[in-house]
């Protein structure tokens, strides 16, 4: 990539990290410019935004076509995504050949859920993600881990506290991949939630001794900071946790008020409702991410709102 394309892509990344419509529109324009200059990364970012329907109608077929184009331009992460979608581990397959084997309907098809508890409703979705999909998510997160934050109960923001010592990598607009959109859609289809009600996903990492102390995922209207977000974006009605690896001890998801713990195999999902049918917060969902005593734990965390997520 020449210097001009480097500069354009750097500007696009900064704009995608912005929070305003103006910065997003600037990013889209910068990506169009870089893509016209043959930048594979720009084309891949365009593919992710198209798959997610950001400022446009989503078009999954076209997004995979763009991903093929990005791979043909030499952008290696796009080729990795195509291979993952095609279920093809052969490194020599050409992008066009991989594209021809991709079945989008199969990628987003719902997987059957099993009821673990009825009140509050807790479900298990075995093998929601494949082993290669789990490894890909970990690889996408490893270089971007940062201390995980929690709600500031006085302000509508996030803070880092001792009670949560693990790290996370959030997948905002600057890191949207077509494959990630398909995985999120698979989650939504499997748990019966509208896909546009999903917040941005995060991959969580727990080293030995790191934990997330007991907490609630729902938004408490009695907390000023949470009340602001509740009024603006709606209640966080459900949580989906997808376990991405094994090779660790401990690290269960613990529900102390239910006397119940769970730890899934790689690819298994734990899904629990944070509220009852009237959208009243359910205090029985008080839960913790216990610390591994050996090895490291990786999870994908996906929250679901009761209205379209901003």
Protein backbone atom coordinates (compact mmCIF):
# COMPACT_ATOMS: atom_id res chain seq x y z
CA UNK A 1 0.00 0.00 0.00
CA UNK A 2 1.45 3.39 -0.94
CA UNK A 3 1.65 6.32 1.49
CA UNK A 4 -1.50 8.02 0.22
CA UNK A 5 -3.60 4.91 0.77
CA UNK A 6 -2.02 4.45 4.21
CA UNK A 7 -3.04 7.97 5.15
CA UNK A 8 -6.56 7.55 3.81
CA UNK A 9 -7.07 4.29 5.69
CA UNK A 10 -5.70 5.82 8.90
CA UNK A 11 -8.23 8.63 8.55
CA UNK A 12 -11.00 6.11 7.89
CA UNK A 13 -10.12 4.10 11.01
CA UNK A 14 -10.15 7.22 13.17
CA UNK A 15 -13.50 8.27 11.74
CA UNK A 16 -15.00 4.81 12.32
CA UNK A 17 -13.99 5.08 15.97
CA UNK A 18 -16.00 8.30 16.24
CA UNK A 19 -19.47 8.42 17.75
CA UNK A 20 -21.28 10.83 15.44
CA UNK A 21 -23.09 10.43 12.14
CA UNK A 22 -20.72 13.00 10.67
CA UNK A 23 -17.66 10.92 11.53
CA UNK A 24 -19.33 7.80 10.11
CA UNK A 25 -20.13 9.55 6.84
CA UNK A 26 -16.54 10.78 6.70
CA UNK A 27 -15.32 7.21 7.22
CA UNK A 28 -17.55 5.90 4.43
CA UNK A 29 -16.16 8.54 2.06
CA UNK A 30 -12.57 7.74 3.05
CA UNK A 31 -13.18 4.03 2.52
CA UNK A 32 -14.62 4.69 -0.94
CA UNK A 33 -11.52 6.72 -1.79
CA UNK A 34 -9.10 4.06 -0.53
CA UNK A 35 -11.05 1.26 -2.21
CA UNK A 36 -10.88 3.12 -5.52
CA UNK A 37 -7.09 3.13 -5.10
CA UNK A 38 -7.10 -0.66 -4.73
CA UNK A 39 -6.86 -0.92 -0.94
CA UNK A 40 -8.02 -4.39 0.12
CA UNK A 41 -8.50 -3.39 3.75
CA UNK A 42 -10.86 -0.60 2.69
CA UNK A 43 -12.91 -3.01 0.59
CA UNK A 44 -13.10 -5.44 3.53
CA UNK A 45 -14.32 -2.66 5.83
CA UNK A 46 -16.92 -1.71 3.22
CA UNK A 47 -18.03 -5.35 3.19
CA UNK A 48 -18.52 -5.36 6.95
CA UNK A 49 -20.54 -2.15 6.93
CA UNK A 50 -22.69 -3.47 4.07
CA UNK A 51 -23.34 -6.76 5.87
CA UNK A 52 -24.38 -4.83 8.98
CA UNK A 53 -26.57 -2.39 7.04
CA UNK A 54 -24.73 0.71 8.27
CA UNK A 55 -26.26 3.71 6.46
CA UNK A 56 -27.53 1.35 3.75
CA UNK A 57 -29.74 -1.68 3.28
CA UNK A 58 -27.83 -4.84 4.27
CA UNK A 59 -26.82 -7.06 1.36
CA UNK A 60 -25.05 -10.21 2.49
CA UNK A 61 -24.39 -11.62 -0.97
CA UNK A 62 -22.81 -8.39 -2.11
CA UNK A 63 -20.81 -8.14 1.12
CA UNK A 64 -19.24 -11.55 0.48
CA UNK A 65 -18.51 -10.47 -3.11
CA UNK A 66 -16.68 -7.46 -1.69
CA UNK A 67 -14.79 -9.73 0.67
CA UNK A 68 -13.69 -11.78 -2.33
CA UNK A 69 -12.50 -8.58 -3.99
CA UNK A 70 -10.55 -7.60 -0.86
CA UNK A 71 -8.86 -11.01 -0.84
CA UNK A 72 -8.00 -10.68 -4.52
CA UNK A 73 -6.37 -7.34 -3.71
CA UNK A 74 -4.09 -9.16 -1.28
CA UNK A 75 -5.79 -8.41 2.04
CA UNK A 76 -4.99 -11.60 3.98
CA UNK A 77 -7.70 -11.28 6.69
CA UNK A 78 -10.35 -11.27 3.95
CA UNK A 79 -8.99 -14.53 2.56
CA UNK A 80 -9.09 -16.00 6.08
CA UNK A 81 -12.76 -15.03 6.39
CA UNK A 82 -13.60 -16.60 3.04
CA UNK A 83 -11.88 -19.84 4.03
CA UNK A 84 -13.78 -19.86 7.32
CA UNK A 85 -17.12 -19.29 5.60
CA UNK A 86 -16.40 -21.96 3.01
CA UNK A 87 -15.26 -24.48 5.61
CA UNK A 88 -12.08 -24.87 3.58
CA UNK A 89 -8.77 -25.14 5.41
CA UNK A 90 -6.70 -25.54 2.22
CA UNK A 91 -4.42 -22.50 1.99
CA UNK A 92 -4.12 -22.67 -1.79
CA UNK A 93 -7.78 -22.18 -2.71
CA UNK A 94 -8.43 -19.04 -4.77
CA UNK A 95 -10.89 -16.41 -3.47
CA UNK A 96 -13.35 -17.06 -6.33
CA UNK A 97 -13.34 -20.80 -5.61
CA UNK A 98 -13.96 -20.18 -1.93
CA UNK A 99 -16.76 -17.71 -2.72
CA UNK A 100 -18.53 -20.30 -4.84
CA UNK A 101 -18.72 -22.69 -1.88
CA UNK A 102 -20.14 -20.25 0.67
CA UNK A 103 -23.71 -20.97 1.82
CA UNK A 104 -24.92 -17.89 3.71
CA UNK A 105 -28.18 -19.54 4.76
CA UNK A 106 -26.24 -22.31 6.47
CA UNK A 107 -23.94 -19.81 8.17
CA UNK A 108 -26.85 -17.98 9.83
CA UNK A 109 -29.11 -21.00 10.35
CA UNK A 110 -30.45 -21.26 13.93
CA UNK A 111 -29.07 -24.00 16.13
CA UNK A 112 -31.44 -25.72 18.60
CA UNK A 113 -31.48 -24.50 22.19
CA UNK A 114 -32.04 -26.56 25.33
CA UNK A 115 -33.74 -25.26 28.48
CA UNK A 116 -31.52 -25.37 31.55
CA UNK A 117 -33.85 -23.41 33.85
CA UNK A 118 -37.33 -22.01 33.32
CA UNK A 119 -37.36 -19.21 35.91
CA UNK A 120 -35.36 -17.22 35.15
CA UNK A 121 -35.16 -18.62 31.65
CA UNK A 122 -31.69 -20.00 30.99
CA UNK A 123 -30.88 -21.88 27.80
CA UNK A 124 -27.91 -23.75 26.39
CA UNK A 125 -27.16 -23.82 22.66
CA UNK A 126 -24.65 -26.63 22.08
CA UNK A 127 -22.11 -26.14 19.28
CA UNK A 128 -23.46 -22.73 18.29
CA UNK A 129 -20.03 -21.90 16.86
CA UNK A 130 -17.57 -24.30 15.24
CA UNK A 131 -14.04 -24.79 16.56
CA UNK A 132 -12.50 -22.82 13.63
CA UNK A 133 -14.99 -19.97 14.25
CA UNK A 134 -13.98 -19.89 17.92
CA UNK A 135 -10.29 -19.77 17.04
CA UNK A 136 -10.92 -17.00 14.52
CA UNK A 137 -12.73 -14.86 17.11
CA UNK A 138 -9.87 -15.27 19.57
CA UNK A 139 -7.35 -14.30 16.89
CA UNK A 140 -9.40 -11.19 16.03
CA UNK A 141 -9.38 -10.09 19.67
CA UNK A 142 -5.88 -10.93 20.89
CA UNK A 143 -4.10 -7.81 19.69
CA UNK A 144 -6.80 -5.40 20.91
CA UNK A 145 -7.41 -6.50 24.50
CA UNK A 146 -7.94 -3.71 27.04
CA UNK A 147 -9.11 -3.66 30.66
CA UNK A 148 -12.81 -4.49 30.77
CA UNK A 149 -15.08 -1.75 32.07
CA UNK A 150 -18.44 -1.60 33.84
CA UNK A 151 -21.21 0.98 34.04
CA UNK A 152 -20.53 4.10 36.06
CA UNK A 153 -23.71 4.10 38.14
CA UNK A 154 -23.61 7.86 38.58
CA UNK A 155 -22.86 8.79 34.97
CA UNK A 156 -23.84 7.30 31.60
CA UNK A 157 -20.36 5.99 30.95
CA UNK A 158 -17.92 3.19 31.72
CA UNK A 159 -15.23 2.80 34.35
CA UNK A 160 -12.61 0.20 35.23
CA UNK A 161 -12.99 -1.21 38.75
CA UNK A 162 -11.25 -3.85 40.88
CA UNK A 163 -14.34 -6.07 40.88
CA UNK A 164 -13.80 -6.70 37.18
CA UNK A 165 -10.21 -7.62 36.42
CA UNK A 166 -10.54 -9.37 33.04
CA UNK A 167 -9.88 -7.80 29.65
CA UNK A 168 -11.98 -7.43 26.51
CA UNK A 169 -11.92 -6.47 22.85
CA UNK A 170 -15.04 -4.72 21.57
CA UNK A 171 -16.15 -5.04 17.96
CA UNK A 172 -17.36 -1.60 17.00
CA UNK A 173 -17.70 -0.18 13.50
CA UNK A 174 -13.93 -0.12 12.95
CA UNK A 175 -13.75 -3.88 13.49
CA UNK A 176 -16.94 -5.16 11.86
CA UNK A 177 -16.29 -8.27 9.80
CA UNK A 178 -18.78 -10.00 7.51
CA UNK A 179 -18.18 -13.26 9.39
CA UNK A 180 -18.89 -11.54 12.69
CA UNK A 181 -22.21 -10.28 11.33
CA UNK A 182 -23.11 -13.83 10.30
CA UNK A 183 -22.18 -15.20 13.74
CA UNK A 184 -24.22 -12.51 15.50
CA UNK A 185 -27.15 -13.27 13.21
CA UNK A 186 -26.82 -16.96 14.06
CA UNK A 187 -27.02 -16.03 17.74
CA UNK A 188 -30.13 -13.93 17.14
CA UNK A 189 -31.85 -16.64 15.10
CA UNK A 190 -30.98 -19.31 17.68
CA UNK A 191 -32.38 -17.38 20.66
CA UNK A 192 -35.38 -15.83 18.92
CA UNK A 193 -34.20 -12.22 19.04
CA UNK A 194 -34.27 -9.62 16.26
CA UNK A 195 -30.72 -9.27 14.98
CA UNK A 196 -30.95 -5.47 15.01
CA UNK A 197 -31.55 -5.58 18.78
CA UNK A 198 -28.02 -6.88 19.40
CA UNK A 199 -25.45 -4.52 20.89
CA UNK A 200 -21.89 -4.60 19.64
CA UNK A 201 -20.20 -7.87 20.55
CA UNK A 202 -17.13 -8.22 22.75
CA UNK A 203 -14.62 -11.00 23.21
CA UNK A 204 -13.65 -11.43 26.86
CA UNK A 205 -10.36 -12.81 28.15
CA UNK A 206 -9.69 -14.12 31.65
CA UNK A 207 -6.15 -14.99 32.77
CA UNK A 208 -5.52 -16.97 35.96
CA UNK A 209 -7.04 -15.09 38.89
CA UNK A 210 -9.03 -12.64 36.77
CA UNK A 211 -12.75 -12.41 37.43
CA UNK A 212 -15.94 -10.45 36.99
CA UNK A 213 -17.48 -10.27 40.48
CA UNK A 214 -21.25 -10.93 40.92
CA UNK A 215 -23.33 -8.40 39.02
CA UNK A 216 -26.48 -7.84 36.97
CA UNK A 217 -26.58 -7.31 33.21
CA UNK A 218 -29.94 -5.52 33.20
CA UNK A 219 -30.09 -1.75 33.52
CA UNK A 220 -31.36 -0.51 36.88
CA UNK A 221 -33.65 2.53 36.53
CA UNK A 222 -32.75 3.53 40.10
CA UNK A 223 -29.15 4.17 39.01
CA UNK A 224 -28.89 7.60 37.33
CA UNK A 225 -26.28 6.62 34.76
CA UNK A 226 -28.07 3.42 33.82
CA UNK A 227 -31.43 5.20 33.71
CA UNK A 228 -30.09 7.53 31.01
CA UNK A 229 -29.06 4.61 28.81
CA UNK A 230 -32.28 2.74 29.59
CA UNK A 231 -34.36 5.67 28.37
CA UNK A 232 -32.21 6.16 25.29
CA UNK A 233 -31.58 2.58 24.13
CA UNK A 234 -33.95 0.33 26.05
CA UNK A 235 -33.50 -2.53 28.49
CA UNK A 236 -30.80 -5.18 28.20
CA UNK A 237 -33.21 -8.11 28.17
CA UNK A 238 -30.88 -11.05 27.50
CA UNK A 239 -27.25 -12.09 27.57
CA UNK A 240 -25.56 -14.66 25.34
CA UNK A 241 -22.12 -15.99 26.28
CA UNK A 242 -20.32 -18.24 23.81
CA UNK A 243 -17.41 -20.24 25.21
CA UNK A 244 -14.46 -20.13 22.81
CA UNK A 245 -11.80 -22.43 24.25
CA UNK A 246 -10.92 -25.17 26.68
CA UNK A 247 -7.64 -26.02 28.40
CA UNK A 248 -8.40 -24.15 31.63
CA UNK A 249 -9.64 -25.06 35.11
CA UNK A 250 -12.33 -23.15 36.99
CA UNK A 251 -13.78 -20.17 35.15
CA UNK A 252 -17.45 -21.14 35.40
CA UNK A 253 -20.31 -18.68 35.02
CA UNK A 254 -21.85 -18.71 38.50
CA UNK A 255 -25.42 -17.83 39.50
CA UNK A 256 -25.15 -17.75 43.33
CA UNK A 257 -28.84 -17.00 43.93
CA UNK A 258 -29.78 -20.06 41.88
CA UNK A 259 -27.07 -22.32 43.29
CA UNK A 260 -26.05 -23.12 39.71
CA UNK A 261 -22.88 -22.86 37.64
CA UNK A 262 -22.13 -23.54 34.00
CA UNK A 263 -19.08 -23.95 31.83
CA UNK A 264 -19.52 -24.77 28.16
CA UNK A 265 -17.35 -26.63 25.71
CA UNK A 266 -15.82 -24.54 22.90
CA UNK A 267 -18.67 -23.23 20.74
CA UNK A 268 -21.43 -23.77 23.32
CA UNK A 269 -23.59 -20.79 24.25
CA UNK A 270 -25.22 -19.89 27.57
CA UNK A 271 -28.24 -17.61 27.13
CA UNK A 272 -30.20 -16.08 30.01
CA UNK A 273 -33.03 -13.59 30.26
CA UNK A 274 -32.21 -10.64 32.51
CA UNK A 275 -35.85 -9.61 32.90
CA UNK A 276 -39.24 -11.28 33.18
CA UNK A 277 -42.01 -11.13 30.59
CA UNK A 278 -43.07 -7.66 31.80
CA UNK A 279 -39.47 -6.41 31.32
CA UNK A 280 -39.04 -6.17 35.09
CA UNK A 281 -35.41 -6.81 36.09
CA UNK A 282 -34.97 -10.27 37.61
CA UNK A 283 -32.56 -10.19 40.59
CA UNK A 284 -32.12 -13.96 40.37
CA UNK A 285 -29.88 -13.35 37.33
CA UNK A 286 -27.13 -12.08 39.64
CA UNK A 287 -24.07 -13.81 38.21
CA UNK A 288 -20.28 -13.84 38.13
CA UNK A 289 -17.49 -14.80 35.78
CA UNK A 290 -15.30 -16.92 38.02
CA UNK A 291 -11.53 -16.81 37.67
CA UNK A 292 -9.62 -19.60 35.95
CA UNK A 293 -7.24 -21.40 38.29
CA UNK A 294 -5.16 -22.72 35.38
CA UNK A 295 -4.93 -21.59 31.77
CA UNK A 296 -6.94 -18.80 30.18
CA UNK A 297 -10.61 -18.43 29.32
CA UNK A 298 -12.09 -16.80 26.21
CA UNK A 299 -15.76 -15.90 25.70
CA UNK A 300 -17.84 -13.95 23.25
CA UNK A 301 -20.34 -11.72 25.07
CA UNK A 302 -23.46 -10.53 23.28
CA UNK A 303 -26.14 -8.39 24.97
CA UNK A 304 -29.64 -8.03 23.55
CA UNK A 305 -31.88 -4.97 23.95
CA UNK A 306 -35.66 -4.72 23.84
CA UNK A 307 -35.45 -2.26 20.94
CA UNK A 308 -33.08 -1.66 18.02
CA UNK A 309 -29.57 -1.13 19.36
CA UNK A 310 -27.95 2.15 18.43
